[in-house]
Protein backbone atom coordinates (compact mmCIF):
# COMPACT_ATOMS: atom_id res chain seq x y z
CA UNK A 1 0.00 -0.01 0.00
CA UNK A 2 1.33 3.43 -0.83
CA UNK A 3 2.29 5.90 1.82
CA UNK A 4 -0.31 8.49 0.80
CA UNK A 5 -3.02 5.85 1.00
CA UNK A 6 -2.04 4.98 4.55
CA UNK A 7 -2.10 8.68 5.49
CA UNK A 8 -5.47 9.29 3.92
CA UNK A 9 -6.89 6.37 5.81
CA UNK A 10 -5.60 7.78 9.08
CA UNK A 11 -3.19 4.90 9.70
CA UNK A 12 -0.05 7.06 9.80
CA UNK A 13 0.09 10.19 11.99
CA UNK A 14 0.51 13.47 10.07
CA UNK A 15 3.90 14.17 11.72
CA UNK A 16 5.46 11.40 9.61
CA UNK A 17 5.06 13.68 6.59
CA UNK A 18 8.04 15.51 8.14
CA UNK A 19 10.45 13.04 9.76
CA UNK A 20 13.89 12.68 11.22
CA UNK A 21 16.27 10.57 9.14
CA UNK A 22 18.84 8.13 10.49
CA UNK A 23 21.63 7.11 8.11
CA UNK A 24 23.29 3.77 8.92
CA UNK A 25 25.74 3.54 6.06
CA UNK A 26 25.54 0.29 4.14
CA UNK A 27 22.48 -0.64 6.29
CA UNK A 28 20.52 2.16 4.64
CA UNK A 29 18.32 4.88 6.06
CA UNK A 30 15.29 4.93 8.36
CA UNK A 31 12.84 7.85 8.85
CA UNK A 32 10.45 8.61 11.63
CA UNK A 33 10.48 10.36 14.98
CA UNK A 34 13.60 9.80 17.13
CA UNK A 35 12.52 9.18 20.67
CA UNK A 36 15.90 8.61 22.27
CA UNK A 37 19.59 7.89 21.64
CA UNK A 38 21.50 6.13 24.43
CA UNK A 39 25.16 6.58 25.32
CA UNK A 40 25.77 3.27 23.49
CA UNK A 41 24.03 4.79 20.43
CA UNK A 42 20.96 2.56 20.59
CA UNK A 43 18.27 4.57 18.81
CA UNK A 44 14.58 4.26 19.55
CA UNK A 45 12.57 5.35 16.49
CA UNK A 46 8.87 5.77 16.03
CA UNK A 47 8.23 4.69 12.46
CA UNK A 48 5.18 4.41 10.17
CA UNK A 49 6.45 0.91 9.39
CA UNK A 50 5.71 -0.44 12.84
CA UNK A 51 3.16 -0.02 15.63
CA UNK A 52 5.99 -0.46 18.14
CA UNK A 53 9.11 1.61 18.57
CA UNK A 54 12.06 0.32 16.49
CA UNK A 55 15.38 -0.29 18.21
CA UNK A 56 18.29 0.57 15.92
CA UNK A 57 21.80 -0.49 16.87
CA UNK A 58 23.98 2.52 16.32
CA UNK A 59 27.38 0.97 15.62
CA UNK A 60 26.92 1.94 11.96
CA UNK A 61 25.44 5.35 12.68
CA UNK A 62 26.64 7.89 10.13
CA UNK A 63 24.22 10.80 10.68
CA UNK A 64 20.97 11.96 12.11
CA UNK A 65 19.09 14.67 10.21
CA UNK A 66 16.29 16.26 12.26
CA UNK A 67 12.98 17.40 10.90
CA UNK A 68 13.36 21.05 9.92
CA UNK A 69 9.71 22.10 10.18
CA UNK A 70 10.14 23.64 13.68
CA UNK A 71 12.43 26.55 12.86
CA UNK A 72 13.64 28.56 15.81
CA UNK A 73 15.61 31.78 15.75
CA UNK A 74 16.86 34.34 18.20
CA UNK A 75 18.85 37.45 17.25
CA UNK A 76 22.52 37.37 18.14
CA UNK A 77 25.19 40.06 17.83
CA UNK A 78 28.34 37.96 17.84
CA UNK A 79 29.97 34.95 16.19
CA UNK A 80 32.33 33.09 18.53
CA UNK A 81 34.99 30.87 16.96
CA UNK A 82 36.82 28.40 19.14
CA UNK A 83 40.32 27.05 18.47
CA UNK A 84 38.92 23.53 18.10
CA UNK A 85 36.94 24.63 15.03
CA UNK A 86 33.52 25.17 16.71
CA UNK A 87 31.51 28.30 15.88
CA UNK A 88 28.58 29.64 17.79
CA UNK A 89 26.08 32.45 17.20
CA UNK A 90 26.13 34.25 20.56
CA UNK A 91 25.46 37.34 22.62
CA UNK A 92 28.55 38.25 24.62
CA UNK A 93 27.94 39.40 28.20
CA UNK A 94 31.44 39.95 29.60
CA UNK A 95 35.09 38.92 29.42
CA UNK A 96 37.78 39.07 32.09
CA UNK A 97 41.33 37.80 32.39
CA UNK A 98 40.31 34.19 32.36
CA UNK A 99 36.99 33.58 30.68
CA UNK A 100 34.17 34.81 28.37
CA UNK A 101 30.53 34.74 29.47
CA UNK A 102 27.83 34.62 26.78
CA UNK A 103 24.39 33.44 25.77
CA UNK A 104 23.19 31.47 22.77
CA UNK A 105 19.72 30.85 21.29
CA UNK A 106 19.81 27.47 23.08
CA UNK A 107 21.57 28.28 26.36
CA UNK A 108 21.03 31.26 28.76
CA UNK A 109 24.51 31.15 30.26
CA UNK A 110 27.73 29.65 29.02
CA UNK A 111 31.38 30.28 29.79
CA UNK A 112 34.56 29.41 27.99
CA UNK A 113 38.21 29.96 28.85
CA UNK A 114 39.69 32.73 26.75
CA UNK A 115 42.62 30.38 25.90
CA UNK A 116 40.07 28.28 23.95
CA UNK A 117 38.86 31.22 21.84
CA UNK A 118 40.13 31.82 18.36
CA UNK A 119 38.19 34.93 17.41
CA UNK A 120 35.15 37.00 18.29
CA UNK A 121 33.17 38.77 15.55
CA UNK A 122 30.93 41.77 16.30
CA UNK A 123 27.86 43.12 14.51
CA UNK A 124 26.91 39.83 12.94
CA UNK A 125 23.22 40.20 13.86
CA UNK A 126 22.73 42.54 10.97
CA UNK A 127 22.45 39.54 8.57
CA UNK A 128 18.77 38.56 8.65
CA UNK A 129 17.67 35.20 7.25
CA UNK A 130 15.10 35.71 4.49
CA UNK A 131 14.65 32.16 3.31
CA UNK A 132 15.78 28.73 4.42
CA UNK A 133 15.13 25.50 2.54
CA UNK A 134 14.60 23.74 0.29
CA UNK A 135 11.19 22.63 1.48
CA UNK A 136 8.84 20.41 -0.44
CA UNK A 137 6.87 22.39 -3.08
CA UNK A 138 8.64 25.69 -2.69
CA UNK A 139 10.93 25.08 -5.76
CA UNK A 140 9.74 24.55 -9.29
CA UNK A 141 11.11 21.12 -10.25
CA UNK A 142 11.45 20.07 -13.87
CA UNK A 143 11.35 16.42 -14.87
CA UNK A 144 15.10 16.32 -14.13
CA UNK A 145 14.72 16.93 -10.41
CA UNK A 146 12.90 15.36 -7.48
CA UNK A 147 12.64 16.32 -3.80
CA UNK A 148 14.11 14.04 -1.16
CA UNK A 149 15.10 16.17 1.85
CA UNK A 150 16.79 18.34 -0.79
CA UNK A 151 16.83 18.89 -4.53
CA UNK A 152 18.04 15.68 -6.23
CA UNK A 153 19.06 15.73 -9.87
CA UNK A 154 17.81 13.13 -12.38
CA UNK A 155 18.68 14.97 -15.64
CA UNK A 156 19.78 18.21 -17.17
CA UNK A 157 16.92 20.69 -17.00
CA UNK A 158 16.74 23.31 -14.18
CA UNK A 159 15.13 23.47 -10.79
CA UNK A 160 14.40 27.03 -9.76
CA UNK A 161 12.73 29.37 -7.31
CA UNK A 162 11.48 32.89 -8.01
CA UNK A 163 11.96 35.00 -4.89
CA UNK A 164 9.77 37.97 -4.13
CA UNK A 165 12.98 40.08 -4.37
CA UNK A 166 16.70 39.88 -3.77
CA UNK A 167 18.24 42.60 -1.58
CA UNK A 168 20.91 45.00 -2.87
CA UNK A 169 23.31 43.17 -0.54
CA UNK A 170 22.66 39.54 0.16
CA UNK A 171 24.27 36.21 1.01
CA UNK A 172 23.37 32.99 -0.80
CA UNK A 173 24.56 29.70 0.68
CA UNK A 174 23.91 26.09 -0.19
CA UNK A 175 25.44 22.62 0.11
CA UNK A 176 25.99 20.40 -2.88
CA UNK A 177 26.67 16.68 -2.48
CA UNK A 178 27.35 14.36 -5.42
CA UNK A 179 27.44 10.70 -6.28
CA UNK A 180 29.77 9.92 -9.15
CA UNK A 181 31.13 13.15 -10.70
CA UNK A 182 30.34 16.64 -9.56
CA UNK A 183 28.67 18.81 -12.14
CA UNK A 184 26.17 21.66 -11.56
CA UNK A 185 25.44 25.20 -12.62
CA UNK A 186 23.80 27.83 -10.43
CA UNK A 187 22.26 31.03 -11.82
CA UNK A 188 21.40 33.81 -9.36
CA UNK A 189 20.00 37.33 -9.75
CA UNK A 190 18.65 35.96 -13.01
CA UNK A 191 15.47 36.80 -14.96
CA UNK A 192 15.69 33.41 -16.73
CA UNK A 193 15.68 29.93 -15.28
CA UNK A 194 18.27 28.51 -17.68
CA UNK A 195 20.39 31.50 -18.68
CA UNK A 196 19.81 31.01 -22.45
CA UNK A 197 17.82 34.20 -22.78
CA UNK A 198 19.46 37.63 -22.84
CA UNK A 199 19.61 38.75 -19.23
CA UNK A 200 22.06 40.17 -16.66
CA UNK A 201 22.88 37.55 -14.06
CA UNK A 202 25.70 35.68 -12.29
CA UNK A 203 26.61 32.04 -13.04
CA UNK A 204 28.44 29.63 -10.85
CA UNK A 205 29.80 26.32 -12.33
CA UNK A 206 31.50 23.43 -10.60
CA UNK A 207 32.60 20.30 -12.44
CA UNK A 208 35.60 18.04 -13.15
CA UNK A 209 37.38 20.92 -14.85
CA UNK A 210 37.20 23.12 -11.72
CA UNK A 211 35.18 25.97 -10.36
CA UNK A 212 34.15 29.16 -12.20
CA UNK A 213 32.12 32.24 -11.26
CA UNK A 214 31.16 34.43 -14.23
CA UNK A 215 28.97 37.35 -15.19
CA UNK A 216 26.37 37.14 -17.99
CA UNK A 217 25.58 40.41 -19.68
CA UNK A 218 23.42 41.74 -22.52
CA UNK A 219 26.37 43.78 -23.76
CA UNK A 220 28.70 43.00 -26.56
CA UNK A 221 30.63 40.50 -24.36
CA UNK A 222 28.04 38.01 -23.12
CA UNK A 223 30.23 36.15 -20.53
CA UNK A 224 33.06 37.47 -18.35
CA UNK A 225 34.90 35.17 -15.91
CA UNK A 226 35.12 36.66 -12.42
CA UNK A 227 36.85 33.79 -10.59
CA UNK A 228 38.27 30.54 -11.91
CA UNK A 229 39.93 27.69 -10.04
CA UNK A 230 41.35 24.89 -12.14
CA UNK A 231 43.48 23.49 -9.33
CA UNK A 232 40.73 21.60 -7.62
CA UNK A 233 37.78 19.44 -8.63
CA UNK A 234 35.33 17.05 -6.93
CA UNK A 235 38.05 14.71 -5.80
CA UNK A 236 39.53 17.40 -3.55
CA UNK A 237 36.47 17.38 -1.28
CA UNK A 238 35.91 14.92 1.54
CA UNK A 239 32.69 12.93 1.29
CA UNK A 240 31.87 14.38 -2.12
CA UNK A 241 30.35 17.45 -0.45
CA UNK A 242 30.94 21.20 -0.62
CA UNK A 243 29.46 24.18 1.19
CA UNK A 244 29.22 27.23 -1.09
CA UNK A 245 28.67 30.80 0.06
CA UNK A 246 28.53 33.86 -2.21
CA UNK A 247 28.13 37.39 -0.90
CA UNK A 248 26.80 39.89 -3.38
CA UNK A 249 26.97 43.73 -3.11
CA UNK A 250 25.33 45.01 -6.29
CA UNK A 251 25.54 48.63 -5.25
CA UNK A 252 29.28 48.54 -5.05
CA UNK A 253 29.64 45.87 -7.75
CA UNK A 254 31.68 43.50 -5.57
CA UNK A 255 31.29 39.88 -4.30
CA UNK A 256 33.01 37.52 -1.91
CA UNK A 257 33.29 33.75 -2.28
CA UNK A 258 33.63 31.17 0.46
CA UNK A 259 33.93 27.37 -0.03
CA UNK A 260 33.68 25.04 2.93
CA UNK A 261 33.70 28.14 5.21
CA UNK A 262 37.11 29.28 3.86
CA UNK A 263 37.37 32.63 2.14
CA UNK A 264 38.54 32.07 -1.46
CA UNK A 265 38.26 35.59 -2.74
CA UNK A 266 37.55 38.72 -0.69
CA UNK A 267 37.17 41.34 -3.41
CA UNK A 268 35.60 40.08 -6.66
CA UNK A 269 34.99 43.11 -8.87
CA UNK A 270 32.17 43.11 -11.36
CA UNK A 271 33.85 44.29 -14.61
CA UNK A 272 30.70 46.15 -15.75
CA UNK A 273 31.61 49.53 -14.23
CA UNK A 274 28.52 51.13 -15.74
CA UNK A 275 25.25 49.91 -17.14
CA UNK A 276 22.50 47.78 -15.72
CA UNK A 277 23.27 45.40 -12.89
CA UNK A 278 21.51 42.04 -12.41
CA UNK A 279 18.08 42.62 -11.05
CA UNK A 280 16.37 39.29 -11.59
CA UNK A 281 15.00 37.41 -8.61
CA UNK A 282 15.42 33.81 -9.87
CA UNK A 283 17.87 31.28 -8.44
CA UNK A 284 18.18 28.06 -10.47
CA UNK A 285 20.25 24.85 -10.41
CA UNK A 286 21.09 22.69 -13.40
CA UNK A 287 22.94 19.34 -13.21
CA UNK A 288 25.70 19.20 -15.87
CA UNK A 289 27.29 15.79 -15.19
CA UNK A 290 26.29 12.53 -16.74
CA UNK A 291 22.94 10.76 -16.29
CA UNK A 292 24.57 8.29 -13.96
CA UNK A 293 25.80 11.09 -11.67
CA UNK A 294 23.61 12.58 -8.98
CA UNK A 295 23.77 16.12 -7.50
CA UNK A 296 21.89 16.90 -4.25
CA UNK A 297 21.34 20.53 -3.19
CA UNK A 298 20.51 21.11 0.47
CA UNK A 299 20.80 23.87 3.14
CA UNK A 300 19.81 26.71 0.79
CA UNK A 301 19.75 29.97 2.67
CA UNK A 302 19.22 33.57 1.58
CA UNK A 303 20.20 36.34 4.02
CA UNK A 304 20.51 40.06 3.91
CA UNK A 305 24.18 41.19 4.14
CA UNK A 306 24.60 44.05 6.58
CA UNK A 307 27.20 46.63 5.71
CA UNK A 308 28.46 48.25 8.85
CA UNK A 309 31.33 45.79 9.55
CA UNK A 310 31.01 43.03 6.94
CA UNK A 311 34.13 43.87 5.00
CA UNK A 312 36.21 44.49 8.10
CA UNK A 313 35.27 41.17 9.58
CA UNK A 314 36.93 39.53 6.57
CA UNK A 315 40.34 40.86 7.60
CA UNK A 316 42.79 38.03 8.21
CA UNK A 317 44.77 37.34 11.37
CA UNK A 318 48.22 38.95 11.09
CA UNK A 319 49.92 37.26 14.05
CA UNK A 320 49.24 34.66 16.78
CA UNK A 321 51.49 35.77 19.67
CA UNK A 322 49.33 38.79 20.56
CA UNK A 323 45.60 39.64 20.38
CA UNK A 324 44.67 41.54 17.19
CA UNK A 325 41.72 43.85 16.82
CA UNK A 326 40.18 45.29 13.61
CA UNK A 327 37.73 48.14 13.88
CA UNK A 328 34.83 48.54 11.38
CA UNK A 329 37.12 50.65 9.16
CA UNK A 330 39.70 47.82 9.03
CA UNK A 331 42.18 49.69 11.25
CA UNK A 332 44.35 47.18 13.09
CA UNK A 333 45.71 47.11 16.66
CA UNK A 334 47.98 44.43 18.14
CA UNK A 335 48.28 44.02 21.89
CA UNK A 336 46.11 42.60 24.66
CA UNK A 337 42.37 42.42 25.04
CA UNK A 338 41.89 43.36 28.73
CA UNK A 339 38.18 43.13 29.23
CA UNK A 340 34.64 43.36 27.84
CA UNK A 341 32.14 44.88 30.24
CA UNK A 342 28.34 45.14 29.99
CA UNK A 343 26.32 48.33 29.83
CA UNK A 344 23.89 50.00 27.48
CA UNK A 345 26.44 48.86 24.89
CA UNK A 346 29.32 46.47 25.46
CA UNK A 347 32.59 48.27 26.24
CA UNK A 348 35.85 46.72 24.98
CA UNK A 349 39.15 47.59 26.62
CA UNK A 350 42.09 46.80 24.30
CA UNK A 351 45.65 47.75 25.15
CA UNK A 352 48.46 48.19 22.65
CA UNK A 353 52.08 49.35 23.01
CA UNK A 354 51.30 52.74 21.38
CA UNK A 355 48.51 53.53 23.84
CA UNK A 356 49.29 52.09 27.30
CA UNK A 357 46.33 53.95 28.86
CA UNK A 358 43.49 53.06 26.49
CA UNK A 359 39.86 54.05 26.91
CA UNK A 360 37.05 51.55 26.42
CA UNK A 361 35.73 51.35 22.89
CA UNK A 362 32.02 50.67 22.07
CA UNK A 363 31.47 47.23 20.57
CA UNK A 364 29.67 48.83 17.60
CA UNK A 365 33.03 50.25 16.49
CA UNK A 366 34.69 46.83 16.41
CA UNK A 367 34.60 44.26 13.62
CA UNK A 368 36.62 41.30 14.93
CA UNK A 369 39.17 40.42 17.65
CA UNK A 370 41.62 37.53 17.15
CA UNK A 371 42.85 35.88 20.34
CA UNK A 372 46.50 34.96 20.77
CA UNK A 373 47.53 31.29 20.43
CA UNK A 374 47.72 28.73 17.70
CA UNK A 375 44.85 26.58 16.51
CA UNK A 376 45.13 22.78 16.39
CA UNK A 377 45.54 21.41 12.89
CA UNK A 378 42.48 19.17 13.21
CA UNK A 379 39.42 19.48 15.45
CA UNK A 380 38.93 16.64 17.97
CA UNK A 381 35.63 14.85 18.45
CA UNK A 382 33.69 11.80 17.25
CA UNK A 383 30.58 13.72 16.28
CA UNK A 384 29.72 17.09 14.77
CA UNK A 385 26.51 18.80 15.90
CA UNK A 386 25.30 21.26 13.27
CA UNK A 387 22.96 23.84 14.78
CA UNK A 388 19.97 25.51 13.18
CA UNK A 389 20.51 29.06 11.99
CA UNK A 390 24.29 28.98 12.50
CA UNK A 391 26.89 27.09 14.45
CA UNK A 392 28.55 23.74 14.99
CA UNK A 393 30.02 21.77 17.94
CA UNK A 394 32.46 18.83 18.13
CA UNK A 395 31.71 16.31 20.92
CA UNK A 396 32.86 12.82 21.74
CA UNK A 397 29.52 11.47 22.92
CA UNK A 398 25.90 12.49 23.37
CA UNK A 399 22.53 11.21 24.51
CA UNK A 400 19.07 12.26 23.50
CA UNK A 401 15.75 11.90 25.33
CA UNK A 402 12.55 13.92 25.56
CA UNK A 403 13.74 16.21 22.71
CA UNK A 404 16.80 17.23 24.72
CA UNK A 405 20.34 16.41 23.59
CA UNK A 406 22.96 16.21 26.33
CA UNK A 407 26.66 16.21 25.72
CA UNK A 408 29.91 17.02 27.42
CA UNK A 409 31.98 19.57 25.50
CA UNK A 410 35.70 19.80 26.07
CA UNK A 411 35.60 23.64 26.43
CA UNK A 412 32.02 24.44 27.33
CA UNK A 413 31.28 21.65 29.79
CA UNK A 414 27.83 20.02 30.13
CA UNK A 415 25.43 21.05 27.32
CA UNK A 416 21.65 20.69 27.04
CA UNK A 417 20.26 21.56 23.63
CA UNK A 418 16.65 21.29 22.53
CA UNK A 419 16.31 19.17 19.40
CA UNK A 420 14.50 21.91 17.33
CA UNK A 421 17.76 23.87 17.67
CA UNK A 422 19.70 21.04 15.93
CA UNK A 423 19.87 20.45 12.23
CA UNK A 424 22.12 17.38 12.00
CA UNK A 425 24.52 15.13 13.87
CA UNK A 426 27.31 13.50 11.91
CA UNK A 427 29.82 10.86 12.86
CA UNK A 428 33.24 12.15 11.85
CA UNK A 429 35.83 9.97 10.10
CA UNK A 430 38.72 9.09 12.45
CA UNK A 431 42.40 8.51 11.72
């Protein structure tokens, strides 16, 4: 009997239309509602396939993807990067000689030793999430695509979404995962779903020949390459997976490109110094590899891109023996971060050799502070917890019960996180 028939007869609860997914590697996948996960990784799953709870032995657990229908958000002003590779959306409360106190959307009070901090970014709350998906039925799928917890390619015609509008400054992020060879094309700020018509837009291509970002124009020169990387292809990515982030500032005709959270290019200049800029509101994906290759697009997010400190936050660390601070105008100071104190606005006291008696500086004037000390070459942890909205945590173990995940974090201590705050848990390769 088909699933929709069971639902229409009332034999399957409606919540199974949106379900958690447990991936067990060669043993396949199971979907349903996760009721608990023990310390030994025994998983109790409520499934439409059984009246009783299913017990899954978790030795082969690869990942748990949680139902994304319950989106939760809370405004945060800071991004906190730890030396172990973790990143958290946070609201800083104070910092003294030994530790930082802060809040997150999922914890009212956390503390971390300042020796564990890699960097602290200010003014990040100005990026507002405008869309998060893909969700079933909110993308137009041609016969070449199907929806299965993401956009899954089956051929060469586009899948697209027409947004109500795209901001003058915005951030587009998505994850692509492939089986076989990588091969996809993404059009954005387009007035056409496939790019064959005359229109101003941007085109991103990734295949076995490398990665290219280019501009399509209605002028005499139809295509202009903005960024090209021929020194990497799909084989350079672990697990056949890449996270792509493009930041677009149409007013200033510049872009920034990040791949797997690493900045590839900070200042991509649109060569069209005058004339019309892309104004279309279509984003589309086309698979360009062979019929036997599959491209899966997930984690699509569109955000506004605030301007007050965005460029300054991209400044790179210049040394590791001292703290380094960049203000919102990219001015640099090297020295020692003495304190962060609360008030109507956070006050940051930073001491450098040229100003031994500094005055506190308002946090709104600061873009990023890098903390002294080297980062380890590889994060430690058996599992990666990816959080909704933004953030990730490495842990060695966890349990889950009553929609609460509990884990012990090497730097943050005991954690309790509500499941709607979690997007995915992945077992990390070891060795």
